[in-house]
C-alpha atoms as a PDB file:
ATOM      1  CA  UNK A   1      71.945 118.994 113.787  1.00  0.00           C
ATOM      2  CA  UNK A   2      73.398 118.176 110.370  1.00  0.00           C
ATOM      3  CA  UNK A   3      72.451 115.062 108.422  1.00  0.00           C
ATOM      4  CA  UNK A   4      75.879 113.463 108.808  1.00  0.00           C
ATOM      5  CA  UNK A   5      75.620 113.649 112.607  1.00  0.00           C
ATOM      6  CA  UNK A   6      72.107 112.209 112.394  1.00  0.00           C
ATOM      7  CA  UNK A   7      73.448 109.328 110.274  1.00  0.00           C
ATOM      8  CA  UNK A   8      76.156 108.596 112.861  1.00  0.00           C
ATOM      9  CA  UNK A   9      73.621 108.668 115.698  1.00  0.00           C
ATOM     10  CA  UNK A  10      71.346 106.284 113.779  1.00  0.00           C
ATOM     11  CA  UNK A  11      74.288 103.947 113.184  1.00  0.00           C
ATOM     12  CA  UNK A  12      75.204 104.052 116.874  1.00  0.00           C
ATOM     13  CA  UNK A  13      71.617 103.229 117.803  1.00  0.00           C
ATOM     14  CA  UNK A  14      71.547 100.354 115.311  1.00  0.00           C
ATOM     15  CA  UNK A  15      74.684  98.826 116.868  1.00  0.00           C
ATOM     16  CA  UNK A  16      73.380  98.996 120.420  1.00  0.00           C
ATOM     17  CA  UNK A  17      72.265  95.350 120.507  1.00  0.00           C
ATOM     18  CA  UNK A  18      75.502  94.025 118.972  1.00  0.00           C
ATOM     19  CA  UNK A  19      78.333  92.562 121.030  1.00  0.00           C
ATOM     20  CA  UNK A  20      81.020  94.452 119.080  1.00  0.00           C
ATOM     21  CA  UNK A  21      80.017  98.066 118.539  1.00  0.00           C
ATOM     22  CA  UNK A  22      82.863  99.813 116.745  1.00  0.00           C
ATOM     23  CA  UNK A  23      81.746 102.621 114.444  1.00  0.00           C
ATOM     24  CA  UNK A  24      84.388 104.376 112.349  1.00  0.00           C
ATOM     25  CA  UNK A  25      83.867 107.804 110.872  1.00  0.00           C
ATOM     26  CA  UNK A  26      86.183 107.951 107.856  1.00  0.00           C
ATOM     27  CA  UNK A  27      86.872 110.740 105.383  1.00  0.00           C
ATOM     28  CA  UNK A  28      89.476 112.858 103.666  1.00  0.00           C
ATOM     29  CA  UNK A  29      91.430 115.478 105.591  1.00  0.00           C
ATOM     30  CA  UNK A  30      89.225 118.529 105.962  1.00  0.00           C
ATOM     31  CA  UNK A  31      86.001 116.656 105.182  1.00  0.00           C
ATOM     32  CA  UNK A  32      84.402 117.540 108.525  1.00  0.00           C
ATOM     33  CA  UNK A  33      84.883 114.355 110.560  1.00  0.00           C
ATOM     34  CA  UNK A  34      85.784 116.253 113.731  1.00  0.00           C
ATOM     35  CA  UNK A  35      82.835 118.621 113.329  1.00  0.00           C
ATOM     36  CA  UNK A  36      80.442 115.688 112.923  1.00  0.00           C
ATOM     37  CA  UNK A  37      82.011 113.875 115.885  1.00  0.00           C
ATOM     38  CA  UNK A  38      81.707 116.976 118.068  1.00  0.00           C
ATOM     39  CA  UNK A  39      78.037 117.328 117.144  1.00  0.00           C
ATOM     40  CA  UNK A  40      77.394 113.655 117.926  1.00  0.00           C
ATOM     41  CA  UNK A  41      79.177 114.067 121.261  1.00  0.00           C
ATOM     42  CA  UNK A  42      77.056 117.123 122.089  1.00  0.00           C
ATOM     43  CA  UNK A  43      73.912 115.117 121.365  1.00  0.00           C
ATOM     44  CA  UNK A  44      75.128 112.228 123.553  1.00  0.00           C
ATOM     45  CA  UNK A  45      76.493 114.541 126.282  1.00  0.00           C
ATOM     46  CA  UNK A  46      79.952 112.970 126.116  1.00  0.00           C
ATOM     47  CA  UNK A  47      83.430 114.424 125.663  1.00  0.00           C
ATOM     48  CA  UNK A  48      85.499 113.188 122.720  1.00  0.00           C
ATOM     49  CA  UNK A  49      89.011 111.965 123.469  1.00  0.00           C
ATOM     50  CA  UNK A  50      91.753 113.606 121.414  1.00  0.00           C
ATOM     51  CA  UNK A  51      93.918 110.502 121.341  1.00  0.00           C
ATOM     52  CA  UNK A  52      97.013 112.166 119.866  1.00  0.00           C
ATOM     53  CA  UNK A  53      96.993 114.795 122.606  1.00  0.00           C
ATOM     54  CA  UNK A  54      96.175 112.516 125.535  1.00  0.00           C
ATOM     55  CA  UNK A  55      98.665 109.779 124.646  1.00  0.00           C
ATOM     56  CA  UNK A  56     101.357 112.342 123.882  1.00  0.00           C
ATOM     57  CA  UNK A  57     100.931 113.823 127.354  1.00  0.00           C
ATOM     58  CA  UNK A  58     101.213 110.391 128.957  1.00  0.00           C
ATOM     59  CA  UNK A  59     104.276 109.368 126.923  1.00  0.00           C
ATOM     60  CA  UNK A  60     106.143 112.673 127.051  1.00  0.00           C
ATOM     61  CA  UNK A  61     108.705 111.579 129.633  1.00  0.00           C
ATOM     62  CA  UNK A  62     109.107 108.017 128.297  1.00  0.00           C
ATOM     63  CA  UNK A  63     111.939 106.692 126.198  1.00  0.00           C
ATOM     64  CA  UNK A  64     111.152 105.449 122.688  1.00  0.00           C
ATOM     65  CA  UNK A  65     111.262 101.841 123.896  1.00  0.00           C
ATOM     66  CA  UNK A  66     108.959 102.573 126.838  1.00  0.00           C
ATOM     67  CA  UNK A  67     106.476 104.252 124.485  1.00  0.00           C
ATOM     68  CA  UNK A  68     106.414 101.199 122.235  1.00  0.00           C
ATOM     69  CA  UNK A  69     105.835  98.878 125.163  1.00  0.00           C
ATOM     70  CA  UNK A  70     103.424 101.070 127.140  1.00  0.00           C
ATOM     71  CA  UNK A  71     101.156 102.320 124.336  1.00  0.00           C
ATOM     72  CA  UNK A  72      98.717  99.358 124.338  1.00  0.00           C
ATOM     73  CA  UNK A  73      98.333  99.535 128.143  1.00  0.00           C
ATOM     74  CA  UNK A  74      97.877 103.304 128.119  1.00  0.00           C
ATOM     75  CA  UNK A  75      95.187 103.008 125.479  1.00  0.00           C
ATOM     76  CA  UNK A  76      93.465 100.170 127.317  1.00  0.00           C
ATOM     77  CA  UNK A  77      93.505 102.154 130.576  1.00  0.00           C
ATOM     78  CA  UNK A  78      92.164 105.246 128.846  1.00  0.00           C
ATOM     79  CA  UNK A  79      89.202 103.321 127.460  1.00  0.00           C
ATOM     80  CA  UNK A  80      88.611 101.154 130.547  1.00  0.00           C
ATOM     81  CA  UNK A  81      88.640 104.105 132.926  1.00  0.00           C
ATOM     82  CA  UNK A  82      86.056 105.967 130.876  1.00  0.00           C
ATOM     83  CA  UNK A  83      82.616 105.710 132.488  1.00  0.00           C
ATOM     84  CA  UNK A  84      80.703 106.596 129.341  1.00  0.00           C
ATOM     85  CA  UNK A  85      78.577 104.040 127.520  1.00  0.00           C
ATOM     86  CA  UNK A  86      79.894 105.441 124.234  1.00  0.00           C
ATOM     87  CA  UNK A  87      83.503 106.518 123.774  1.00  0.00           C
ATOM     88  CA  UNK A  88      84.342 108.933 120.971  1.00  0.00           C
ATOM     89  CA  UNK A  89      87.968 109.019 119.852  1.00  0.00           C
ATOM     90  CA  UNK A  90      89.302 111.727 117.549  1.00  0.00           C
ATOM     91  CA  UNK A  91      92.788 112.338 116.160  1.00  0.00           C
ATOM     92  CA  UNK A  92      94.091 108.794 116.427  1.00  0.00           C
ATOM     93  CA  UNK A  93      96.993 109.068 113.974  1.00  0.00           C
ATOM     94  CA  UNK A  94      99.470 108.434 116.795  1.00  0.00           C
ATOM     95  CA  UNK A  95      98.472 104.762 116.771  1.00  0.00           C
ATOM     96  CA  UNK A  96      99.988 104.447 113.291  1.00  0.00           C
ATOM     97  CA  UNK A  97     103.241 106.295 113.981  1.00  0.00           C
ATOM     98  CA  UNK A  98     105.998 104.027 112.644  1.00  0.00           C
ATOM     99  CA  UNK A  99     108.286 105.089 115.506  1.00  0.00           C
ATOM    100  CA  UNK A 100     105.946 103.410 117.976  1.00  0.00           C
ATOM    101  CA  UNK A 101     106.423 100.081 116.161  1.00  0.00           C
ATOM    102  CA  UNK A 102     103.041  98.679 117.110  1.00  0.00           C
ATOM    103  CA  UNK A 103     103.180  96.159 114.274  1.00  0.00           C
ATOM    104  CA  UNK A 104     106.155  94.480 115.899  1.00  0.00           C
ATOM    105  CA  UNK A 105     105.268  94.414 119.578  1.00  0.00           C
ATOM    106  CA  UNK A 106     105.024  90.931 121.069  1.00  0.00           C
ATOM    107  CA  UNK A 107     102.641  90.583 123.980  1.00  0.00           C
END
């Protein structure tokens, strides 16, 4: 296992006793984030969620307005229905797509 994956695993372990346990793996395009995430997932025996792919599948038949409205619920369901203690999300650029207008949605 590479040292970056070990660092992520140590960080995950350190957050275990915290109420909020969000860990972000950030880096330039091509820096190896996905490779590190895949290694961490192998060590934890979990499957990473390719958020762009999974949300795109769910929203394929929706209108633009439906996508804007449904995105938060789809994401919540995806996370809530996951039985894993740790959830690994990769490729999450879809959340920042300006066409989905998530900055302007009123709940």
